N, C-alpha and C. Protein backbone atom coordinates (compact mmCIF):
# COMPACT_ATOMS: atom_id res chain seq x y z
N UNK A 1 5.85 9.95 -21.64
CA UNK A 1 6.22 10.92 -22.80
C UNK A 1 7.64 11.69 -21.88
N UNK A 2 7.45 11.58 -20.82
CA UNK A 2 8.71 12.50 -20.19
C UNK A 2 9.07 11.70 -18.71
N UNK A 3 9.89 12.37 -17.99
CA UNK A 3 10.33 11.76 -16.86
C UNK A 3 11.39 10.62 -16.70
N UNK A 4 11.46 9.94 -15.50
CA UNK A 4 12.43 9.04 -15.31
C UNK A 4 12.15 7.85 -16.29
N UNK A 5 10.88 7.66 -16.12
CA UNK A 5 10.63 6.48 -17.09
C UNK A 5 10.07 6.53 -18.50
N UNK A 6 10.61 7.73 -19.11
CA UNK A 6 10.18 8.07 -20.51
C UNK A 6 10.38 6.86 -21.28
N UNK A 7 9.48 6.47 -22.43
CA UNK A 7 9.53 5.44 -23.04
C UNK A 7 8.66 4.04 -22.63
N UNK A 8 8.38 4.20 -21.50
CA UNK A 8 7.81 3.06 -20.89
C UNK A 8 6.46 2.91 -21.82
N UNK A 9 6.03 1.60 -22.00
CA UNK A 9 4.88 1.19 -22.69
C UNK A 9 3.93 1.10 -21.49
N UNK A 10 2.82 1.49 -21.47
CA UNK A 10 1.70 1.51 -20.61
C UNK A 10 0.12 1.47 -21.05
N UNK A 11 0.02 0.11 -21.21
CA UNK A 11 -1.32 -0.30 -22.06
C UNK A 11 -2.42 0.04 -21.20
N UNK A 12 -2.28 -0.01 -19.91
CA UNK A 12 -3.59 -0.02 -18.91
C UNK A 12 -4.62 0.97 -19.51
N UNK A 13 -5.98 0.36 -19.74
CA UNK A 13 -7.07 1.33 -19.88
C UNK A 13 -7.54 2.14 -18.68
N UNK A 14 -8.03 3.18 -18.61
CA UNK A 14 -8.53 4.05 -17.62
C UNK A 14 -7.19 4.43 -16.47
N UNK A 15 -5.96 4.28 -17.23
CA UNK A 15 -5.01 4.76 -16.38
C UNK A 15 -5.00 6.14 -16.14
N UNK A 16 -4.17 6.90 -15.16
CA UNK A 16 -4.25 8.14 -15.01
C UNK A 16 -3.28 8.77 -16.14
N UNK A 17 -3.80 10.12 -16.46
CA UNK A 17 -3.05 10.84 -17.56
C UNK A 17 -1.73 11.11 -17.10
N UNK A 18 -1.71 11.55 -15.74
CA UNK A 18 -0.20 11.90 -15.30
C UNK A 18 0.83 10.82 -15.77
N UNK A 19 0.57 9.43 -15.45
CA UNK A 19 1.39 8.57 -15.87
C UNK A 19 1.82 8.50 -17.44
N UNK A 20 0.75 8.91 -18.10
CA UNK A 20 1.13 9.01 -19.54
C UNK A 20 1.93 10.39 -19.82
N UNK A 21 1.82 11.18 -19.09
CA UNK A 21 2.57 12.35 -19.44
C UNK A 21 4.01 12.41 -18.90
N UNK A 22 4.12 11.52 -17.82
CA UNK A 22 5.56 11.38 -16.97
C UNK A 22 5.65 12.08 -15.94
N UNK A 23 4.47 12.83 -15.45
CA UNK A 23 4.50 13.81 -14.41
C UNK A 23 4.04 13.21 -13.15
N UNK A 24 3.74 12.00 -13.12
CA UNK A 24 3.01 11.36 -12.17
C UNK A 24 4.36 11.34 -10.83
N UNK A 25 3.68 11.71 -9.89
CA UNK A 25 4.64 11.94 -8.58
C UNK A 25 6.20 12.36 -8.99
N UNK A 26 6.06 13.47 -9.61
CA UNK A 26 7.50 13.92 -10.06
C UNK A 26 8.23 14.59 -9.00
N UNK A 27 7.80 14.58 -7.78
CA UNK A 27 8.26 15.05 -6.56
C UNK A 27 9.57 14.20 -6.35
N UNK A 28 9.29 12.97 -6.74
CA UNK A 28 9.96 11.74 -6.25
C UNK A 28 11.38 11.47 -7.49
N UNK A 29 11.46 12.28 -8.58
CA UNK A 29 12.23 12.05 -9.48
C UNK A 29 13.70 11.90 -9.13
N UNK A 30 14.09 12.95 -8.08
CA UNK A 30 15.56 12.51 -7.78
C UNK A 30 15.82 11.25 -6.88
N UNK A 31 14.71 10.77 -6.35
CA UNK A 31 14.70 9.45 -5.57
C UNK A 31 14.67 8.35 -6.56
N UNK A 32 13.86 8.47 -7.51
CA UNK A 32 13.88 7.39 -8.49
C UNK A 32 15.20 7.41 -9.15
N UNK A 33 15.91 8.37 -9.43
CA UNK A 33 17.17 8.25 -10.40
C UNK A 33 18.08 7.76 -9.32
N UNK A 34 18.05 8.01 -7.94
CA UNK A 34 19.10 7.57 -6.71
C UNK A 34 19.06 5.95 -6.60
N UNK A 35 17.51 5.44 -6.74
CA UNK A 35 17.27 4.15 -6.90
C UNK A 35 17.87 3.41 -7.90
N UNK A 36 17.72 3.87 -9.13
CA UNK A 36 17.93 3.39 -10.45
C UNK A 36 19.60 3.48 -10.43
N UNK A 37 20.44 4.15 -9.75
CA UNK A 37 21.70 4.15 -9.71
C UNK A 37 22.60 3.12 -8.87
N UNK A 38 21.54 2.53 -7.97
CA UNK A 38 22.13 1.52 -6.94
C UNK A 38 22.17 0.11 -7.30
N UNK A 39 23.12 -0.62 -6.61
CA UNK A 39 22.89 -2.08 -7.10
C UNK A 39 22.15 -2.87 -6.27
N UNK A 40 20.74 -2.77 -6.47
CA UNK A 40 19.97 -3.57 -5.59
C UNK A 40 19.77 -4.88 -6.55
N UNK A 41 19.56 -6.08 -5.75
CA UNK A 41 19.21 -7.14 -6.43
C UNK A 41 17.72 -7.46 -6.37
N UNK A 42 16.93 -6.95 -5.57
CA UNK A 42 15.60 -7.19 -5.56
C UNK A 42 14.60 -5.94 -5.30
N UNK A 43 13.66 -5.71 -5.89
CA UNK A 43 12.74 -4.62 -5.64
C UNK A 43 11.16 -5.36 -5.45
N UNK A 44 10.63 -4.90 -4.31
CA UNK A 44 9.60 -5.18 -3.88
C UNK A 44 8.53 -4.04 -3.75
N UNK A 45 7.42 -4.20 -4.92
CA UNK A 45 6.51 -2.98 -4.91
C UNK A 45 4.98 -3.64 -4.05
N UNK A 46 4.76 -3.00 -3.32
CA UNK A 46 3.34 -3.01 -2.55
C UNK A 46 2.39 -2.34 -2.78
N UNK A 47 1.46 -2.56 -3.50
CA UNK A 47 0.47 -1.80 -3.87
C UNK A 47 0.92 -1.19 -5.51
N UNK A 48 1.12 -2.49 -6.19
CA UNK A 48 1.67 -2.09 -7.65
C UNK A 48 0.79 -1.43 -8.71
N UNK A 49 -0.62 -1.42 -8.30
CA UNK A 49 -1.48 -0.88 -9.18
C UNK A 49 -1.34 -1.66 -10.65
N UNK A 50 -1.21 -0.76 -11.83
CA UNK A 50 -1.21 -1.07 -13.06
C UNK A 50 0.12 -1.43 -13.67
N UNK A 51 1.35 -1.21 -12.47
CA UNK A 51 2.49 -1.29 -12.90
C UNK A 51 3.68 -0.45 -13.24
N UNK A 52 3.23 0.97 -12.89
CA UNK A 52 4.05 2.01 -13.24
C UNK A 52 5.51 1.89 -12.78
N UNK A 53 5.80 1.78 -11.40
CA UNK A 53 6.84 1.47 -11.01
C UNK A 53 7.55 0.20 -11.09
N UNK A 54 6.73 -1.00 -11.24
CA UNK A 54 7.16 -2.16 -11.48
C UNK A 54 8.08 -2.29 -13.02
N UNK A 55 7.42 -1.68 -13.77
CA UNK A 55 7.92 -1.80 -15.21
C UNK A 55 8.81 -0.56 -15.52
N UNK A 56 8.42 0.77 -14.75
CA UNK A 56 9.49 1.57 -14.85
C UNK A 56 10.78 1.18 -14.13
N UNK A 57 10.89 0.60 -13.08
CA UNK A 57 12.22 0.15 -12.48
C UNK A 57 12.64 -1.10 -13.33
N UNK A 58 11.72 -1.91 -13.81
CA UNK A 58 12.45 -3.01 -14.64
C UNK A 58 12.89 -2.71 -15.75
N UNK A 59 12.67 -1.73 -16.38
CA UNK A 59 13.55 -0.91 -17.46
C UNK A 59 14.88 -0.50 -17.04
N UNK A 60 14.74 0.47 -16.09
CA UNK A 60 15.95 1.20 -15.51
C UNK A 60 17.13 0.14 -14.88
N UNK A 61 16.47 -1.02 -14.38
CA UNK A 61 17.47 -1.68 -13.48
C UNK A 61 17.34 -3.18 -14.19
N UNK A 62 17.83 -3.39 -15.17
CA UNK A 62 17.99 -4.52 -16.20
C UNK A 62 18.33 -6.06 -15.56
N UNK A 63 18.85 -5.80 -14.38
CA UNK A 63 19.47 -7.19 -13.73
C UNK A 63 18.58 -7.53 -12.65
N UNK A 64 17.49 -6.75 -12.09
CA UNK A 64 16.90 -6.81 -10.69
C UNK A 64 15.81 -7.71 -11.02
N UNK A 65 15.38 -8.48 -9.88
CA UNK A 65 14.07 -9.16 -9.88
C UNK A 65 12.86 -8.30 -9.07
N UNK A 66 11.90 -8.36 -9.47
CA UNK A 66 10.90 -7.78 -8.75
C UNK A 66 9.56 -8.45 -8.50
N UNK A 67 9.20 -8.31 -7.24
CA UNK A 67 7.90 -8.79 -6.74
C UNK A 67 6.95 -7.75 -6.61
N UNK A 68 5.75 -7.88 -7.22
CA UNK A 68 4.68 -6.87 -7.17
C UNK A 68 3.71 -7.61 -6.47
N UNK A 69 3.16 -6.70 -5.52
CA UNK A 69 1.85 -7.28 -4.80
C UNK A 69 0.99 -6.03 -5.01
N UNK A 70 -0.24 -6.56 -5.43
CA UNK A 70 -1.57 -5.88 -5.69
C UNK A 70 -2.77 -6.60 -5.11
N UNK A 71 -3.32 -5.92 -4.13
CA UNK A 71 -4.52 -6.62 -3.20
C UNK A 71 -5.76 -6.60 -4.17
N UNK A 72 -5.73 -5.58 -5.16
CA UNK A 72 -7.22 -5.60 -5.99
C UNK A 72 -7.22 -6.56 -7.37
N UNK A 73 -7.81 -7.78 -7.25
CA UNK A 73 -7.74 -8.67 -8.06
C UNK A 73 -8.20 -8.07 -9.58
N UNK A 74 -8.97 -6.90 -9.32
CA UNK A 74 -9.40 -6.52 -10.56
C UNK A 74 -8.24 -5.53 -11.61
N UNK A 75 -7.57 -5.32 -10.62
CA UNK A 75 -6.27 -4.54 -11.23
C UNK A 75 -5.36 -5.39 -11.88
N UNK A 76 -5.08 -6.72 -11.54
CA UNK A 76 -4.06 -7.55 -11.70
C UNK A 76 -3.96 -7.92 -13.44
N UNK A 77 -4.92 -7.77 -14.08
CA UNK A 77 -4.88 -8.02 -15.54
C UNK A 77 -4.07 -6.58 -16.17
N UNK A 78 -4.59 -5.42 -15.58
CA UNK A 78 -3.61 -4.21 -16.19
C UNK A 78 -2.19 -4.36 -15.72
N UNK A 79 -1.96 -4.82 -14.53
CA UNK A 79 -0.59 -5.05 -14.23
C UNK A 79 0.46 -6.02 -14.96
N UNK A 80 -0.48 -7.18 -15.23
CA UNK A 80 0.08 -8.16 -16.27
C UNK A 80 0.31 -7.62 -17.65
N UNK A 81 -0.32 -6.93 -18.32
CA UNK A 81 -0.43 -6.25 -19.42
C UNK A 81 0.72 -5.29 -19.58
N UNK A 82 1.02 -4.43 -18.38
CA UNK A 82 2.09 -3.76 -18.42
C UNK A 82 3.18 -4.32 -18.33
N UNK A 83 3.59 -5.54 -17.63
CA UNK A 83 4.67 -6.11 -17.42
C UNK A 83 4.91 -6.58 -18.88
N UNK A 84 3.98 -7.40 -19.43
CA UNK A 84 4.06 -8.04 -20.75
C UNK A 84 4.60 -7.12 -21.82
N UNK A 85 3.85 -5.91 -21.80
CA UNK A 85 4.39 -4.86 -22.80
C UNK A 85 5.41 -4.33 -22.84
N UNK A 86 6.03 -4.45 -21.69
CA UNK A 86 7.47 -3.95 -21.62
C UNK A 86 8.78 -5.19 -21.53
N UNK A 87 8.30 -6.42 -21.70
CA UNK A 87 8.88 -7.59 -21.88
C UNK A 87 9.61 -8.02 -20.52
N UNK A 88 8.94 -7.68 -19.52
CA UNK A 88 9.70 -8.24 -18.01
C UNK A 88 8.79 -9.39 -17.30
N UNK A 89 8.34 -10.22 -18.23
CA UNK A 89 7.62 -11.43 -17.68
C UNK A 89 8.53 -12.47 -16.88
N UNK A 90 9.93 -12.38 -17.14
CA UNK A 90 10.79 -13.23 -16.58
C UNK A 90 11.40 -12.75 -15.50
N UNK A 91 11.21 -11.75 -15.24
CA UNK A 91 11.99 -10.93 -14.08
C UNK A 91 10.73 -10.21 -13.16
N UNK A 92 9.59 -10.66 -13.37
CA UNK A 92 8.34 -10.07 -12.28
C UNK A 92 7.67 -11.04 -11.82
N UNK A 93 7.65 -11.13 -10.56
CA UNK A 93 6.52 -12.15 -9.88
C UNK A 93 5.36 -11.42 -9.27
N UNK A 94 4.08 -11.80 -9.92
CA UNK A 94 3.18 -11.01 -9.50
C UNK A 94 2.15 -11.68 -8.27
N UNK A 95 1.98 -11.05 -7.15
CA UNK A 95 1.23 -11.43 -6.49
C UNK A 95 0.08 -10.54 -5.66
N UNK A 96 -0.79 -11.41 -4.89
CA UNK A 96 -1.85 -10.60 -4.38
C UNK A 96 -1.62 -9.68 -3.17
N UNK A 97 -2.59 -10.04 -1.97
CA UNK A 97 -2.38 -9.18 -0.94
C UNK A 97 -1.14 -9.70 -0.23
N UNK A 98 -0.61 -8.48 0.38
CA UNK A 98 0.79 -8.86 1.07
C UNK A 98 0.71 -8.79 2.37
N UNK A 99 1.04 -9.61 3.07
CA UNK A 99 1.22 -9.83 4.53
C UNK A 99 2.26 -9.58 5.05
N UNK A 100 2.61 -9.32 6.46
CA UNK A 100 4.07 -9.16 6.98
C UNK A 100 4.93 -10.41 6.66
N UNK A 101 4.14 -11.52 7.04
CA UNK A 101 4.82 -12.84 6.57
C UNK A 101 5.17 -13.00 5.00
N UNK A 102 4.56 -12.39 4.08
CA UNK A 102 4.83 -12.49 2.85
C UNK A 102 6.08 -11.45 2.58
N UNK A 103 6.11 -10.30 3.06
CA UNK A 103 7.18 -9.54 2.85
C UNK A 103 8.42 -9.96 3.55
N UNK A 104 8.34 -10.42 4.75
CA UNK A 104 9.56 -11.15 5.42
C UNK A 104 10.16 -12.04 4.31
N UNK A 105 9.32 -12.94 3.76
CA UNK A 105 9.80 -14.09 3.05
C UNK A 105 10.72 -13.55 1.81
N UNK A 106 10.01 -12.69 0.96
CA UNK A 106 10.64 -12.05 -0.08
C UNK A 106 12.00 -11.42 0.14
N UNK A 107 12.02 -10.43 1.40
CA UNK A 107 13.18 -9.71 1.66
C UNK A 107 14.29 -10.75 2.30
N UNK A 108 13.92 -11.81 2.81
CA UNK A 108 15.02 -12.56 3.38
C UNK A 108 15.88 -13.45 2.41
N UNK A 109 15.22 -13.59 1.24
CA UNK A 109 15.80 -13.93 0.27
C UNK A 109 16.60 -13.10 -0.85
N UNK A 110 16.86 -11.92 -0.34
CA UNK A 110 17.42 -10.80 -1.18
C UNK A 110 18.76 -10.34 -0.20
N UNK A 111 19.61 -9.89 -1.02
CA UNK A 111 20.90 -9.53 -0.32
C UNK A 111 20.79 -8.03 0.00
N UNK A 112 20.41 -7.17 -1.10
CA UNK A 112 20.25 -5.61 -1.25
C UNK A 112 18.93 -5.58 -1.65
N UNK A 113 17.84 -5.23 -0.99
CA UNK A 113 16.56 -5.09 -1.58
C UNK A 113 16.22 -3.46 -1.36
N UNK A 114 15.23 -3.10 -2.14
CA UNK A 114 14.42 -1.85 -1.92
C UNK A 114 12.85 -2.16 -2.06
N UNK A 115 12.30 -1.48 -1.22
CA UNK A 115 10.85 -1.62 -1.12
C UNK A 115 10.12 -0.18 -1.46
N UNK A 116 9.11 -0.34 -2.47
CA UNK A 116 8.31 0.79 -2.71
C UNK A 116 7.00 0.26 -2.22
N UNK A 117 6.33 1.23 -1.43
CA UNK A 117 4.96 0.98 -0.72
C UNK A 117 4.07 1.99 -0.79
N UNK A 118 2.98 1.78 -1.14
CA UNK A 118 1.62 2.69 -1.47
C UNK A 118 0.48 1.84 -1.15
N UNK A 119 0.18 1.87 0.13
CA UNK A 119 -1.02 0.84 0.46
C UNK A 119 -2.12 1.46 1.44
N UNK A 120 -2.22 2.87 1.11
CA UNK A 120 -3.35 3.37 1.83
C UNK A 120 -3.66 3.41 3.25
N UNK A 121 -2.47 3.64 3.98
CA UNK A 121 -2.49 3.47 5.52
C UNK A 121 -1.87 2.09 6.14
N UNK A 122 -2.09 0.97 5.18
CA UNK A 122 -1.62 -0.21 5.72
C UNK A 122 -0.06 -0.28 5.81
N UNK A 123 0.69 0.91 5.52
CA UNK A 123 1.96 0.65 5.72
C UNK A 123 2.43 0.76 7.09
N UNK A 124 1.35 1.04 7.99
CA UNK A 124 1.47 1.13 9.51
C UNK A 124 1.70 -0.31 9.90
N UNK A 125 0.98 -1.26 9.51
CA UNK A 125 1.11 -2.56 9.96
C UNK A 125 2.08 -3.34 9.12
N UNK A 126 2.45 -3.14 7.84
CA UNK A 126 3.59 -3.69 7.11
C UNK A 126 4.89 -3.40 7.47
N UNK A 127 5.24 -2.01 7.41
CA UNK A 127 6.41 -1.75 7.67
C UNK A 127 6.75 -1.50 9.20
N UNK A 128 7.09 -2.76 9.74
CA UNK A 128 7.40 -2.55 11.37
C UNK A 128 8.54 -3.62 11.45
N UNK A 129 9.88 -3.29 11.74
CA UNK A 129 10.82 -4.24 11.81
C UNK A 129 10.79 -5.24 13.11
N UNK A 130 9.89 -4.83 13.87
CA UNK A 130 9.46 -6.01 15.07
C UNK A 130 8.91 -6.86 14.55
N UNK A 131 8.09 -6.76 13.35
CA UNK A 131 7.39 -7.74 12.74
C UNK A 131 7.92 -8.45 11.69
N UNK A 132 8.52 -7.65 10.89
CA UNK A 132 9.45 -8.01 9.80
C UNK A 132 10.77 -7.57 9.80
N UNK A 133 11.56 -8.26 10.45
CA UNK A 133 12.83 -7.90 10.67
C UNK A 133 13.83 -7.49 9.65
N UNK A 134 13.72 -8.20 8.16
CA UNK A 134 14.57 -7.78 7.15
C UNK A 134 14.25 -6.60 6.57
N UNK A 135 13.42 -5.68 7.17
CA UNK A 135 13.62 -4.42 6.53
C UNK A 135 14.35 -3.33 7.28
N UNK A 136 15.23 -4.17 8.44
CA UNK A 136 16.24 -3.05 8.87
C UNK A 136 17.42 -3.01 7.81
N UNK A 137 17.42 -3.76 6.89
CA UNK A 137 18.45 -3.74 5.98
C UNK A 137 17.83 -3.42 4.53
N UNK A 138 16.86 -3.05 4.41
CA UNK A 138 16.22 -2.58 2.96
C UNK A 138 16.01 -1.26 2.89
N UNK A 139 16.33 -0.66 1.84
CA UNK A 139 15.92 0.61 1.56
C UNK A 139 14.39 0.71 1.28
N UNK A 140 13.72 1.91 1.59
CA UNK A 140 12.18 1.97 1.62
C UNK A 140 11.68 3.31 0.91
N UNK A 141 10.78 3.36 -0.22
CA UNK A 141 10.19 4.66 -0.46
C UNK A 141 8.71 4.30 -0.37
N UNK A 142 8.24 5.26 0.83
CA UNK A 142 6.95 4.95 1.41
C UNK A 142 5.92 6.21 1.13
N UNK A 143 4.78 5.78 0.56
CA UNK A 143 3.74 6.98 0.66
C UNK A 143 2.94 7.10 1.94
N UNK A 144 3.28 8.19 2.45
CA UNK A 144 2.54 7.93 3.91
C UNK A 144 1.15 8.67 3.92
N UNK A 145 0.01 7.93 4.47
CA UNK A 145 -1.09 8.31 4.45
C UNK A 145 -1.76 8.53 5.87
N UNK A 146 -1.24 9.81 6.10
CA UNK A 146 -1.38 10.47 7.47
C UNK A 146 -2.87 10.70 7.55
N UNK A 147 -3.65 11.04 6.53
CA UNK A 147 -5.04 11.30 6.73
C UNK A 147 -6.00 10.12 6.95
N UNK A 148 -5.36 8.67 6.51
CA UNK A 148 -6.28 7.58 6.71
C UNK A 148 -5.78 6.75 7.88
N UNK A 149 -4.53 7.25 8.32
CA UNK A 149 -3.83 6.52 9.35
C UNK A 149 -3.16 7.52 10.30
N UNK A 150 -3.64 8.44 11.41
CA UNK A 150 -3.27 9.31 11.95
C UNK A 150 -2.09 8.62 12.96
N UNK A 151 -0.99 9.45 13.02
CA UNK A 151 0.31 9.08 13.44
C UNK A 151 0.98 8.00 13.02
N UNK A 152 0.91 7.80 11.80
CA UNK A 152 1.68 6.71 11.03
C UNK A 152 3.07 7.29 10.74
N UNK A 153 3.05 8.48 10.42
CA UNK A 153 4.33 9.21 9.98
C UNK A 153 5.28 9.22 11.48
N UNK A 154 4.94 9.47 12.48
CA UNK A 154 5.88 9.58 13.44
C UNK A 154 6.12 7.88 13.94
N UNK A 155 5.30 7.27 13.88
CA UNK A 155 5.60 5.79 14.17
C UNK A 155 6.59 5.21 13.03
N UNK A 156 6.45 5.63 11.98
CA UNK A 156 7.36 5.03 10.87
C UNK A 156 8.86 5.71 11.16
N UNK A 157 8.89 7.12 11.46
CA UNK A 157 9.96 7.80 11.82
C UNK A 157 11.02 6.99 12.98
N UNK A 158 10.13 6.86 13.95
CA UNK A 158 10.55 6.01 15.36
C UNK A 158 11.18 4.90 14.98
N UNK A 159 10.42 3.90 14.11
CA UNK A 159 10.66 2.67 14.03
C UNK A 159 12.18 2.27 13.31
N UNK A 160 12.40 3.29 12.37
CA UNK A 160 13.73 3.07 11.74
C UNK A 160 14.69 4.29 11.99
N UNK A 161 14.60 4.95 13.19
CA UNK A 161 15.46 5.95 13.53
C UNK A 161 16.85 5.56 13.59
N UNK A 162 17.05 4.27 14.24
CA UNK A 162 18.16 3.79 14.26
C UNK A 162 19.15 3.14 13.17
N UNK A 163 18.16 2.93 12.46
CA UNK A 163 18.82 2.17 11.15
C UNK A 163 18.92 2.91 9.81
N UNK A 164 18.13 3.84 9.65
CA UNK A 164 18.01 4.42 8.47
C UNK A 164 18.11 6.16 8.44
N UNK A 165 18.61 6.64 7.47
CA UNK A 165 18.40 7.94 7.14
C UNK A 165 17.06 8.31 6.49
N UNK A 166 16.34 9.19 7.17
CA UNK A 166 14.92 9.69 6.68
C UNK A 166 14.97 10.89 5.96
N UNK A 167 14.42 10.81 4.55
CA UNK A 167 14.15 12.06 3.74
C UNK A 167 12.90 11.95 3.36
N UNK A 168 12.30 13.39 3.97
CA UNK A 168 10.69 13.37 3.62
C UNK A 168 10.55 14.48 2.62
N UNK A 169 9.49 13.87 1.53
CA UNK A 169 9.28 14.79 0.33
C UNK A 169 7.77 15.03 0.32
N UNK A 170 7.48 16.54 0.20
CA UNK A 170 6.25 16.92 0.11
C UNK A 170 5.39 17.12 -1.07
N UNK A 171 4.40 16.74 -1.30
CA UNK A 171 3.73 16.88 -2.56
C UNK A 171 3.28 18.27 -2.68
N UNK A 172 3.45 18.56 -4.06
CA UNK A 172 3.20 20.04 -4.58
C UNK A 172 2.38 20.00 -5.67
N UNK A 173 1.74 21.17 -5.98
CA UNK A 173 0.81 21.30 -7.25
C UNK A 173 1.63 21.29 -8.19
N UNK A 174 1.14 20.92 -9.31
CA UNK A 174 1.86 21.15 -10.54
C UNK A 174 1.63 22.58 -11.29
N UNK A 175 2.77 22.91 -11.87
CA UNK A 175 2.74 24.21 -12.85
C UNK A 175 2.66 23.89 -14.22
N UNK A 176 2.77 24.81 -15.14
CA UNK A 176 2.34 24.41 -16.49
C UNK A 176 4.01 23.98 -17.18
N UNK A 177 4.93 24.48 -16.30
CA UNK A 177 6.28 24.15 -16.56
C UNK A 177 6.59 22.69 -16.42
N UNK A 178 5.62 22.01 -15.74
CA UNK A 178 5.95 20.68 -15.35
C UNK A 178 5.57 19.92 -16.61
N UNK A 179 4.79 20.35 -17.54
CA UNK A 179 3.91 19.57 -18.25
C UNK A 179 5.02 19.29 -19.70
N UNK A 180 5.05 18.22 -20.24
CA UNK A 180 6.02 18.05 -21.30
C UNK A 180 5.86 19.13 -22.46
N UNK A 181 6.81 19.53 -23.26
CA UNK A 181 6.88 20.59 -23.92
C UNK A 181 5.99 20.20 -25.43
N UNK A 182 5.93 19.02 -25.54
CA UNK A 182 5.04 18.72 -26.83
C UNK A 182 3.70 18.31 -26.70
N UNK A 183 3.26 18.67 -25.61
CA UNK A 183 1.74 18.58 -25.21
C UNK A 183 0.93 19.76 -25.95
N UNK A 184 0.00 19.45 -26.88
CA UNK A 184 -0.66 20.73 -27.42
C UNK A 184 -2.21 21.04 -26.69
N UNK A 185 -2.18 21.73 -25.89
CA UNK A 185 -3.49 21.83 -25.01
C UNK A 185 -3.60 23.21 -24.44
N UNK A 186 -4.66 23.68 -24.18
CA UNK A 186 -4.70 24.87 -23.47
C UNK A 186 -4.46 24.84 -22.17
N UNK A 187 -3.95 25.84 -21.32
CA UNK A 187 -3.33 25.79 -19.85
C UNK A 187 -4.27 24.97 -18.81
N UNK A 188 -5.77 25.22 -18.99
CA UNK A 188 -6.68 24.37 -18.17
C UNK A 188 -6.68 22.96 -18.36
N UNK A 189 -6.44 22.48 -19.50
CA UNK A 189 -6.51 20.95 -19.83
C UNK A 189 -5.09 20.48 -19.30
N UNK A 190 -4.04 21.06 -19.44
CA UNK A 190 -2.90 20.73 -18.98
C UNK A 190 -2.77 20.41 -17.56
N UNK A 191 -3.30 21.66 -16.97
CA UNK A 191 -3.32 21.60 -15.54
C UNK A 191 -4.29 20.51 -14.78
N UNK A 192 -5.29 20.14 -15.57
CA UNK A 192 -6.19 19.06 -15.14
C UNK A 192 -5.53 17.69 -15.36
N UNK A 193 -4.89 17.67 -16.44
CA UNK A 193 -4.25 16.34 -16.86
C UNK A 193 -3.10 15.94 -15.66
N UNK A 194 -2.55 16.85 -15.11
CA UNK A 194 -1.29 16.59 -14.23
C UNK A 194 -1.89 16.87 -12.74
N UNK A 195 -3.20 16.95 -12.71
CA UNK A 195 -3.70 17.09 -11.46
C UNK A 195 -3.82 15.91 -10.72
N UNK A 196 -3.32 15.41 -9.37
CA UNK A 196 -3.35 14.04 -8.60
C UNK A 196 -4.29 14.09 -7.37
N UNK A 197 -4.91 15.06 -7.13
CA UNK A 197 -5.93 15.09 -5.95
C UNK A 197 -5.24 14.70 -4.71
N UNK A 198 -4.49 14.94 -4.33
CA UNK A 198 -3.71 14.40 -3.11
C UNK A 198 -4.34 15.09 -1.96
N UNK A 199 -4.28 14.43 -0.86
CA UNK A 199 -4.83 15.10 0.56
C UNK A 199 -3.77 16.25 0.83
N UNK A 200 -4.36 17.10 1.77
CA UNK A 200 -3.41 18.16 2.06
C UNK A 200 -2.32 17.60 3.09
N UNK A 201 -1.34 18.20 2.72
CA UNK A 201 -0.09 17.33 3.89
C UNK A 201 0.56 16.09 3.11
N UNK A 202 0.09 15.65 2.03
CA UNK A 202 0.61 14.54 1.50
C UNK A 202 2.27 14.48 1.44
N UNK A 203 2.58 13.29 1.66
CA UNK A 203 4.19 13.19 1.60
C UNK A 203 4.61 11.73 1.57
N UNK A 204 5.94 11.66 1.00
CA UNK A 204 6.39 10.40 0.96
C UNK A 204 7.90 10.39 1.63
N UNK A 205 8.04 9.21 2.37
CA UNK A 205 9.34 9.05 3.16
C UNK A 205 10.39 8.10 2.31
N UNK A 206 11.51 8.48 2.24
CA UNK A 206 12.57 7.73 1.70
C UNK A 206 13.60 7.35 2.51
N UNK A 207 13.52 6.19 3.15
CA UNK A 207 14.44 5.33 4.01
C UNK A 207 15.45 4.91 3.49
N UNK A 208 16.64 5.48 3.70
CA UNK A 208 18.00 4.81 3.20
C UNK A 208 18.76 4.45 4.24
N UNK A 209 19.34 3.04 4.27
CA UNK A 209 20.20 2.82 5.38
C UNK A 209 21.36 3.30 5.81
N UNK A 210 21.64 3.39 7.07
CA UNK A 210 22.92 4.21 7.45
C UNK A 210 23.88 3.23 7.35
């Protein structure tokens, strides 16, 4: 309904109302717009879920090839449905669990890649340039799960200090002003529909290459 992916077809059943509203992770809108304005040739989404970012960026970046990794086999039908509903079958490769070797293989074949990563703490083992050297030349948007993997924020910061500029984005509570104006509902329902139930201190890291 709104946001940087307005018009996205999202057929997945049981999906978050925030995605239908367009308020999902709205803190990232400036970064999403920055990604959409750059000349990437490949996007890798690790933890693609039902395909919100896969299809959203697929629509915004019509020349890009996308590799979508999703470890939950039960979610793959919804991911495929979202890709198909947006006519992206020819540009999206859907794969299962992502290992460091898988990630390195995909990135090595790209000239200018960007990585989207939301893997519930596994970012600590995946996003390590000592294990996956092509990460040194990739831009990365990472949800940092400090609550599940203590110390991961500092480790990621240290690993990419010499190769990337880091922008940290903190999660925030939604306000009624965040809700699309054409939603007709009482205030309590609007707030509930936008609530993402994030852990205190939740944040994302945007690593852009120096």
